[in-house]
Every structure is written in structure tokens, then in C-alpha cells.
Amino acid sequence: MRFVLDRLLPDGPVRLVGDDTVDGHTGPHVYGKARHRDAVRSPHSGTAFRYGHKWVVLAVPVKFPFATRPWALPALIDR
């Protein structure tokens, strides 16, 4: 990661962004499956739950010369 940061973000502080996403898995034999609150599918009037794995990603936003907006390069992924 230090190599990538030195080449793409040579000056200034390093910003970090995070995201958590529920990846739905159905079936009785899925290891580690649990019931998670799904923020995307939850309306204001209630809470929507989804069975599956919750992925948490920590990323570094990097601006490439060929892109119009920054890309998020994953630095840490946890399930």
C-alpha cells in the first residue's frame, strides 16, 4: 500500500472512505450467514433485514488522469 500511495498520492493527507454492504445468500447451508439490517432497502417507516454476509471495506480514493472522478482502491476488506 505504501508503494501505491507514494505513486498516486505523493503529497498531503490520505483520505479514507468506508462502506458496509450486505451480500445476500439464501439456502440452509451457507457458512457464517446472519441477519443484517439493510440500509439501502430500509424505508423511513421501518427496517428491512437481509440474510447473508456483511462486507466492510476501507478504501483510499485516488484520482486517475483518465477518469473524471476518483476511484476507491480497497485497502482493507473484512467479512
PDB file of N, CA and C in Angstrom:
ATOM      1  N   MET A   1       0.818  -1.174   0.000  1.00  0.00           N
ATOM      2  CA  MET A   1       0.000   0.000   0.000  1.00  0.00           C
ATOM      3  C   MET A   1       0.873   1.253   0.000  1.00  0.00           C
ATOM      4  N   ARG A   2       1.995   1.191   0.720  1.00  0.00           N
ATOM      5  CA  ARG A   2       2.883   2.357   0.754  1.00  0.00           C
ATOM      6  C   ARG A   2       3.395   2.693  -0.654  1.00  0.00           C
ATOM      7  N   PHE A   3       3.719   1.681  -1.461  1.00  0.00           N
ATOM      8  CA  PHE A   3       4.176   1.887  -2.826  1.00  0.00           C
ATOM      9  C   PHE A   3       3.104   2.603  -3.656  1.00  0.00           C
ATOM     10  N   VAL A   4       1.863   2.137  -3.549  1.00  0.00           N
ATOM     11  CA  VAL A   4       0.770   2.733  -4.311  1.00  0.00           C
ATOM     12  C   VAL A   4       0.523   4.163  -3.862  1.00  0.00           C
ATOM     13  N   LEU A   5       0.505   4.398  -2.558  1.00  0.00           N
ATOM     14  CA  LEU A   5       0.258   5.753  -2.048  1.00  0.00           C
ATOM     15  C   LEU A   5       1.360   6.721  -2.441  1.00  0.00           C
ATOM     16  N   ASP A   6       2.602   6.267  -2.433  1.00  0.00           N
ATOM     17  CA  ASP A   6       3.716   7.147  -2.834  1.00  0.00           C
ATOM     18  C   ASP A   6       3.614   7.536  -4.303  1.00  0.00           C
ATOM     19  N   ARG A   7       3.092   6.659  -5.155  1.00  0.00           N
ATOM     20  CA  ARG A   7       2.992   6.957  -6.589  1.00  0.00           C
ATOM     21  C   ARG A   7       1.745   7.774  -6.937  1.00  0.00           C
ATOM     22  N   LEU A   8       0.628   7.477  -6.270  1.00  0.00           N
ATOM     23  CA  LEU A   8      -0.642   8.104  -6.644  1.00  0.00           C
ATOM     24  C   LEU A   8      -1.020   9.300  -5.775  1.00  0.00           C
ATOM     25  N   LEU A   9      -0.579   9.322  -4.522  1.00  0.00           N
ATOM     26  CA  LEU A   9      -0.885  10.427  -3.608  1.00  0.00           C
ATOM     27  C   LEU A   9       0.403  10.887  -2.932  1.00  0.00           C
ATOM     28  N   PRO A  10       1.304  11.550  -3.665  1.00  0.00           N
ATOM     29  CA  PRO A  10       2.607  11.872  -3.085  1.00  0.00           C
ATOM     30  C   PRO A  10       2.564  12.939  -1.999  1.00  0.00           C
ATOM     31  N   ASP A  11       1.610  13.882  -2.057  1.00  0.00           N
ATOM     32  CA  ASP A  11       1.586  14.998  -1.103  1.00  0.00           C
ATOM     33  C   ASP A  11       0.263  15.022  -0.348  1.00  0.00           C
ATOM     34  N   GLY A  12       0.322  15.531   0.856  1.00  0.00           N
ATOM     35  CA  GLY A  12      -0.901  15.769   1.618  1.00  0.00           C
ATOM     36  C   GLY A  12      -1.403  14.566   2.378  1.00  0.00           C
ATOM     37  N   PRO A  13      -2.491  14.797   3.100  1.00  0.00           N
ATOM     38  CA  PRO A  13      -3.059  13.704   3.903  1.00  0.00           C
ATOM     39  C   PRO A  13      -3.749  12.661   3.029  1.00  0.00           C
ATOM     40  N   VAL A  14      -3.872  11.475   3.563  1.00  0.00           N
ATOM     41  CA  VAL A  14      -4.537  10.375   2.869  1.00  0.00           C
ATOM     42  C   VAL A  14      -5.963  10.270   3.400  1.00  0.00           C
ATOM     43  N   ARG A  15      -6.942  10.416   2.508  1.00  0.00           N
ATOM     44  CA  ARG A  15      -8.350  10.273   2.887  1.00  0.00           C
ATOM     45  C   ARG A  15      -8.724   8.800   2.832  1.00  0.00           C
ATOM     46  N   LEU A  16      -9.572   8.388   3.754  1.00  0.00           N
ATOM     47  CA  LEU A  16     -10.083   7.027   3.779  1.00  0.00           C
ATOM     48  C   LEU A  16     -11.604   7.076   3.717  1.00  0.00           C
ATOM     49  N   VAL A  17     -12.193   6.160   2.975  1.00  0.00           N
ATOM     50  CA  VAL A  17     -13.644   6.047   2.892  1.00  0.00           C
ATOM     51  C   VAL A  17     -14.027   4.620   3.269  1.00  0.00           C
ATOM     52  N   GLY A  18     -15.208   4.480   3.842  1.00  0.00           N
ATOM     53  CA  GLY A  18     -15.661   3.163   4.268  1.00  0.00           C
ATOM     54  C   GLY A  18     -17.051   2.859   3.760  1.00  0.00           C
ATOM     55  N   ASP A  19     -17.365   1.579   3.666  1.00  0.00           N
ATOM     56  CA  ASP A  19     -18.672   1.133   3.202  1.00  0.00           C
ATOM     57  C   ASP A  19     -18.956  -0.222   3.816  1.00  0.00           C
ATOM     58  N   ASP A  20     -20.225  -0.459   4.128  1.00  0.00           N
ATOM     59  CA  ASP A  20     -20.633  -1.795   4.541  1.00  0.00           C
ATOM     60  C   ASP A  20     -21.813  -2.209   3.683  1.00  0.00           C
ATOM     61  N   THR A  21     -21.735  -3.394   3.130  1.00  0.00           N
ATOM     62  CA  THR A  21     -22.730  -3.891   2.200  1.00  0.00           C
ATOM     63  C   THR A  21     -23.155  -5.294   2.619  1.00  0.00           C
ATOM     64  N   VAL A  22     -24.453  -5.545   2.559  1.00  0.00           N
ATOM     65  CA  VAL A  22     -24.965  -6.879   2.842  1.00  0.00           C
ATOM     66  C   VAL A  22     -25.063  -7.630   1.526  1.00  0.00           C
ATOM     67  N   ASP A  23     -24.377  -8.762   1.449  1.00  0.00           N
ATOM     68  CA  ASP A  23     -24.417  -9.618   0.270  1.00  0.00           C
ATOM     69  C   ASP A  23     -25.328 -10.792   0.591  1.00  0.00           C
ATOM     70  N   GLY A  24     -26.495 -10.814  -0.031  1.00  0.00           N
ATOM     71  CA  GLY A  24     -27.499 -11.816   0.294  1.00  0.00           C
ATOM     72  C   GLY A  24     -27.142 -13.207  -0.174  1.00  0.00           C
ATOM     73  N   HIS A  25     -27.307 -14.170   0.721  1.00  0.00           N
ATOM     74  CA  HIS A  25     -27.110 -15.583   0.407  1.00  0.00           C
ATOM     75  C   HIS A  25     -28.312 -16.341   0.938  1.00  0.00           C
ATOM     76  N   THR A  26     -28.915 -17.132   0.104  1.00  0.00           N
ATOM     77  CA  THR A  26     -30.035 -17.943   0.549  1.00  0.00           C
ATOM     78  C   THR A  26     -29.594 -19.390   0.668  1.00  0.00           C
ATOM     79  N   GLY A  27     -30.376 -20.167   1.333  1.00  0.00           N
ATOM     80  CA  GLY A  27     -30.072 -21.592   1.476  1.00  0.00           C
ATOM     81  C   GLY A  27     -29.752 -21.948   2.900  1.00  0.00           C
ATOM     82  N   PRO A  28     -29.988 -23.195   3.260  1.00  0.00           N
ATOM     83  CA  PRO A  28     -29.799 -23.611   4.653  1.00  0.00           C
ATOM     84  C   PRO A  28     -28.349 -23.894   5.037  1.00  0.00           C
ATOM     85  N   HIS A  29     -27.425 -24.045   4.082  1.00  0.00           N
ATOM     86  CA  HIS A  29     -26.060 -24.471   4.387  1.00  0.00           C
ATOM     87  C   HIS A  29     -25.015 -23.434   3.990  1.00  0.00           C
ATOM     88  N   VAL A  30     -25.278 -22.156   4.253  1.00  0.00           N
ATOM     89  CA  VAL A  30     -24.312 -21.101   3.952  1.00  0.00           C
ATOM     90  C   VAL A  30     -23.580 -20.772   5.243  1.00  0.00           C
ATOM     91  N   TYR A  31     -22.257 -20.961   5.258  1.00  0.00           N
ATOM     92  CA  TYR A  31     -21.470 -20.755   6.468  1.00  0.00           C
ATOM     93  C   TYR A  31     -21.380 -19.264   6.812  1.00  0.00           C
ATOM     94  N   GLY A  32     -21.607 -18.928   8.071  1.00  0.00           N
ATOM     95  CA  GLY A  32     -21.438 -17.563   8.541  1.00  0.00           C
ATOM     96  C   GLY A  32     -22.574 -16.632   8.198  1.00  0.00           C
ATOM     97  N   LYS A  33     -23.660 -17.169   7.693  1.00  0.00           N
ATOM     98  CA  LYS A  33     -24.796 -16.337   7.312  1.00  0.00           C
ATOM     99  C   LYS A  33     -25.463 -15.795   8.566  1.00  0.00           C
ATOM    100  N   ALA A  34     -25.907 -14.529   8.520  1.00  0.00           N
ATOM    101  CA  ALA A  34     -26.605 -13.922   9.644  1.00  0.00           C
ATOM    102  C   ALA A  34     -27.640 -12.938   9.107  1.00  0.00           C
ATOM    103  N   ARG A  35     -28.451 -12.429  10.006  1.00  0.00           N
ATOM    104  CA  ARG A  35     -29.474 -11.445   9.637  1.00  0.00           C
ATOM    105  C   ARG A  35     -28.917 -10.058   9.904  1.00  0.00           C
ATOM    106  N   HIS A  36     -28.853  -9.227   8.871  1.00  0.00           N
ATOM    107  CA  HIS A  36     -28.290  -7.883   8.970  1.00  0.00           C
ATOM    108  C   HIS A  36     -29.317  -6.851   8.530  1.00  0.00           C
ATOM    109  N   ARG A  37     -29.229  -5.662   9.103  1.00  0.00           N
ATOM    110  CA  ARG A  37     -30.061  -4.549   8.662  1.00  0.00           C
ATOM    111  C   ARG A  37     -29.517  -4.058   7.326  1.00  0.00           C
ATOM    112  N   ASP A  38     -30.395  -3.955   6.339  1.00  0.00           N
ATOM    113  CA  ASP A  38     -30.001  -3.493   5.015  1.00  0.00           C
ATOM    114  C   ASP A  38     -30.415  -2.034   4.872  1.00  0.00           C
ATOM    115  N   ALA A  39     -29.448  -1.129   4.956  1.00  0.00           N
ATOM    116  CA  ALA A  39     -29.738   0.301   4.924  1.00  0.00           C
ATOM    117  C   ALA A  39     -30.290   0.756   3.576  1.00  0.00           C
ATOM    118  N   VAL A  40     -29.905   0.103   2.492  1.00  0.00           N
ATOM    119  CA  VAL A  40     -30.369   0.501   1.160  1.00  0.00           C
ATOM    120  C   VAL A  40     -31.845   0.181   0.979  1.00  0.00           C
ATOM    121  N   ARG A  41     -32.285  -0.944   1.471  1.00  0.00           N
ATOM    122  CA  ARG A  41     -33.665  -1.378   1.274  1.00  0.00           C
ATOM    123  C   ARG A  41     -34.602  -0.983   2.411  1.00  0.00           C
ATOM    124  N   SER A  42     -34.095  -0.320   3.450  1.00  0.00           N
ATOM    125  CA  SER A  42     -34.934   0.067   4.581  1.00  0.00           C
ATOM    126  C   SER A  42     -35.652   1.378   4.290  1.00  0.00           C
ATOM    127  N   PRO A  43     -36.986   1.382   4.351  1.00  0.00           N
ATOM    128  CA  PRO A  43     -37.713   2.644   4.179  1.00  0.00           C
ATOM    129  C   PRO A  43     -37.660   3.454   5.480  1.00  0.00           C
ATOM    130  N   HIS A  44     -38.114   4.696   5.414  1.00  0.00           N
ATOM    131  CA  HIS A  44     -38.131   5.540   6.607  1.00  0.00           C
ATOM    132  C   HIS A  44     -39.108   5.011   7.655  1.00  0.00           C
ATOM    133  N   SER A  45     -40.110   4.276   7.231  1.00  0.00           N
ATOM    134  CA  SER A  45     -41.141   3.792   8.152  1.00  0.00           C
ATOM    135  C   SER A  45     -40.767   2.508   8.876  1.00  0.00           C
ATOM    136  N   GLY A  46     -39.699   1.850   8.493  1.00  0.00           N
ATOM    137  CA  GLY A  46     -39.344   0.582   9.129  1.00  0.00           C
ATOM    138  C   GLY A  46     -37.939   0.152   8.792  1.00  0.00           C
ATOM    139  N   THR A  47     -37.625  -1.076   9.128  1.00  0.00           N
ATOM    140  CA  THR A  47     -36.297  -1.622   8.884  1.00  0.00           C
ATOM    141  C   THR A  47     -36.409  -2.888   8.057  1.00  0.00           C
ATOM    142  N   ALA A  48     -35.590  -2.991   7.033  1.00  0.00           N
ATOM    143  CA  ALA A  48     -35.543  -4.183   6.195  1.00  0.00           C
ATOM    144  C   ALA A  48     -34.307  -4.999   6.594  1.00  0.00           C
ATOM    145  N   PHE A  49     -34.500  -6.296   6.733  1.00  0.00           N
ATOM    146  CA  PHE A  49     -33.394  -7.185   7.073  1.00  0.00           C
ATOM    147  C   PHE A  49     -33.115  -8.114   5.901  1.00  0.00           C
ATOM    148  N   ARG A  50     -31.878  -8.576   5.826  1.00  0.00           N
ATOM    149  CA  ARG A  50     -31.467  -9.475   4.761  1.00  0.00           C
ATOM    150  C   ARG A  50     -30.521 -10.515   5.344  1.00  0.00           C
ATOM    151  N   TYR A  51     -30.687 -11.759   4.941  1.00  0.00           N
ATOM    152  CA  TYR A  51     -29.803 -12.827   5.393  1.00  0.00           C
ATOM    153  C   TYR A  51     -28.619 -12.945   4.441  1.00  0.00           C
ATOM    154  N   GLY A  52     -27.432 -12.999   5.009  1.00  0.00           N
ATOM    155  CA  GLY A  52     -26.234 -13.133   4.196  1.00  0.00           C
ATOM    156  C   GLY A  52     -25.006 -12.686   4.963  1.00  0.00           C
ATOM    157  N   HIS A  53     -24.010 -12.226   4.233  1.00  0.00           N
ATOM    158  CA  HIS A  53     -22.758 -11.747   4.811  1.00  0.00           C
ATOM    159  C   HIS A  53     -22.702 -10.236   4.710  1.00  0.00           C
ATOM    160  N   LYS A  54     -22.132  -9.600   5.704  1.00  0.00           N
ATOM    161  CA  LYS A  54     -21.919  -8.154   5.672  1.00  0.00           C
ATOM    162  C   LYS A  54     -20.434  -7.908   5.405  1.00  0.00           C
ATOM    163  N   TRP A  55     -20.155  -7.238   4.290  1.00  0.00           N
ATOM    164  CA  TRP A  55     -18.786  -6.918   3.906  1.00  0.00           C
ATOM    165  C   TRP A  55     -18.487  -5.481   4.292  1.00  0.00           C
ATOM    166  N   VAL A  56     -17.374  -5.254   4.980  1.00  0.00           N
ATOM    167  CA  VAL A  56     -16.933  -3.920   5.358  1.00  0.00           C
ATOM    168  C   VAL A  56     -15.647  -3.636   4.588  1.00  0.00           C
ATOM    169  N   VAL A  57     -15.639  -2.501   3.867  1.00  0.00           N
ATOM    170  CA  VAL A  57     -14.499  -2.158   3.010  1.00  0.00           C
ATOM    171  C   VAL A  57     -13.965  -0.793   3.416  1.00  0.00           C
ATOM    172  N   LEU A  58     -12.659  -0.694   3.601  1.00  0.00           N
ATOM    173  CA  LEU A  58     -11.959   0.560   3.825  1.00  0.00           C
ATOM    174  C   LEU A  58     -11.138   0.829   2.574  1.00  0.00           C
ATOM    175  N   ALA A  59     -11.327   1.990   1.962  1.00  0.00           N
ATOM    176  CA  ALA A  59     -10.679   2.272   0.673  1.00  0.00           C
ATOM    177  C   ALA A  59     -10.028   3.654   0.682  1.00  0.00           C
ATOM    178  N   VAL A  60      -9.106   3.840  -0.249  1.00  0.00           N
ATOM    179  CA  VAL A  60      -8.422   5.113  -0.452  1.00  0.00           C
ATOM    180  C   VAL A  60      -8.908   5.699  -1.778  1.00  0.00           C
ATOM    181  N   PRO A  61      -9.555   6.876  -1.780  1.00  0.00           N
ATOM    182  CA  PRO A  61      -9.975   7.471  -3.052  1.00  0.00           C
ATOM    183  C   PRO A  61      -8.762   8.055  -3.795  1.00  0.00           C
ATOM    184  N   VAL A  62      -8.605   7.660  -5.053  1.00  0.00           N
ATOM    185  CA  VAL A  62      -7.464   8.077  -5.872  1.00  0.00           C
ATOM    186  C   VAL A  62      -7.983   8.662  -7.175  1.00  0.00           C
ATOM    187  N   LYS A  63      -7.416   9.788  -7.595  1.00  0.00           N
ATOM    188  CA  LYS A  63      -7.797  10.443  -8.851  1.00  0.00           C
ATOM    189  C   LYS A  63      -6.812  10.019  -9.935  1.00  0.00           C
ATOM    190  N   PHE A  64      -7.324   9.341 -10.965  1.00  0.00           N
ATOM    191  CA  PHE A  64      -6.509   8.945 -12.115  1.00  0.00           C
ATOM    192  C   PHE A  64      -6.674   9.977 -13.227  1.00  0.00           C
ATOM    193  N   PRO A  65      -5.638  10.192 -14.056  1.00  0.00           N
ATOM    194  CA  PRO A  65      -5.734  11.194 -15.120  1.00  0.00           C
ATOM    195  C   PRO A  65      -6.771  10.846 -16.195  1.00  0.00           C
ATOM    196  N   PHE A  66      -7.074   9.571 -16.378  1.00  0.00           N
ATOM    197  CA  PHE A  66      -8.016   9.165 -17.425  1.00  0.00           C
ATOM    198  C   PHE A  66      -9.465   9.119 -16.932  1.00  0.00           C
ATOM    199  N   ALA A  67      -9.689   9.351 -15.644  1.00  0.00           N
ATOM    200  CA  ALA A  67     -11.043   9.266 -15.080  1.00  0.00           C
ATOM    201  C   ALA A  67     -11.526  10.656 -14.667  1.00  0.00           C
ATOM    202  N   THR A  68     -12.844  10.839 -14.707  1.00  0.00           N
ATOM    203  CA  THR A  68     -13.413  12.141 -14.342  1.00  0.00           C
ATOM    204  C   THR A  68     -13.686  12.260 -12.849  1.00  0.00           C
ATOM    205  N   ARG A  69     -13.768  11.137 -12.153  1.00  0.00           N
ATOM    206  CA  ARG A  69     -13.985  11.171 -10.706  1.00  0.00           C
ATOM    207  C   ARG A  69     -13.075  10.149 -10.039  1.00  0.00           C
ATOM    208  N   PRO A  70     -12.848  10.282  -8.732  1.00  0.00           N
ATOM    209  CA  PRO A  70     -11.913   9.370  -8.057  1.00  0.00           C
ATOM    210  C   PRO A  70     -12.400   7.924  -8.022  1.00  0.00           C
ATOM    211  N   TRP A  71     -11.455   7.031  -7.988  1.00  0.00           N
ATOM    212  CA  TRP A  71     -11.721   5.603  -7.820  1.00  0.00           C
ATOM    213  C   TRP A  71     -11.363   5.240  -6.383  1.00  0.00           C
ATOM    214  N   ALA A  72     -12.071   4.272  -5.820  1.00  0.00           N
ATOM    215  CA  ALA A  72     -11.782   3.819  -4.473  1.00  0.00           C
ATOM    216  C   ALA A  72     -10.955   2.530  -4.551  1.00  0.00           C
ATOM    217  N   LEU A  73      -9.708   2.619  -4.126  1.00  0.00           N
ATOM    218  CA  LEU A  73      -8.839   1.444  -4.103  1.00  0.00           C
ATOM    219  C   LEU A  73      -8.972   0.771  -2.735  1.00  0.00           C
ATOM    220  N   PRO A  74      -9.440  -0.472  -2.697  1.00  0.00           N
ATOM    221  CA  PRO A  74      -9.626  -1.143  -1.396  1.00  0.00           C
ATOM    222  C   PRO A  74      -8.313  -1.331  -0.669  1.00  0.00           C
ATOM    223  N   ALA A  75      -8.313  -0.986   0.613  1.00  0.00           N
ATOM    224  CA  ALA A  75      -7.132  -1.156   1.439  1.00  0.00           C
ATOM    225  C   ALA A  75      -7.330  -2.258   2.467  1.00  0.00           C
ATOM    226  N   LEU A  76      -8.576  -2.449   2.932  1.00  0.00           N
ATOM    227  CA  LEU A  76      -8.882  -3.456   3.927  1.00  0.00           C
ATOM    228  C   LEU A  76     -10.309  -3.953   3.695  1.00  0.00           C
ATOM    229  N   ILE A  77     -10.476  -5.269   3.681  1.00  0.00           N
ATOM    230  CA  ILE A  77     -11.802  -5.863   3.472  1.00  0.00           C
ATOM    231  C   ILE A  77     -12.007  -6.886   4.588  1.00  0.00           C
ATOM    232  N   ASP A  78     -13.175  -6.836   5.210  1.00  0.00           N
ATOM    233  CA  ASP A  78     -13.487  -7.768   6.283  1.00  0.00           C
ATOM    234  C   ASP A  78     -14.909  -8.264   6.118  1.00  0.00           C
ATOM    235  N   ARG A  79     -15.119  -9.495   6.490  1.00  0.00           N
ATOM    236  CA  ARG A  79     -16.464 -10.070   6.418  1.00  0.00           C
ATOM    237  C   ARG A  79     -16.972 -10.309   7.803  1.00  0.00           C
TER     238      ARG A  79
END
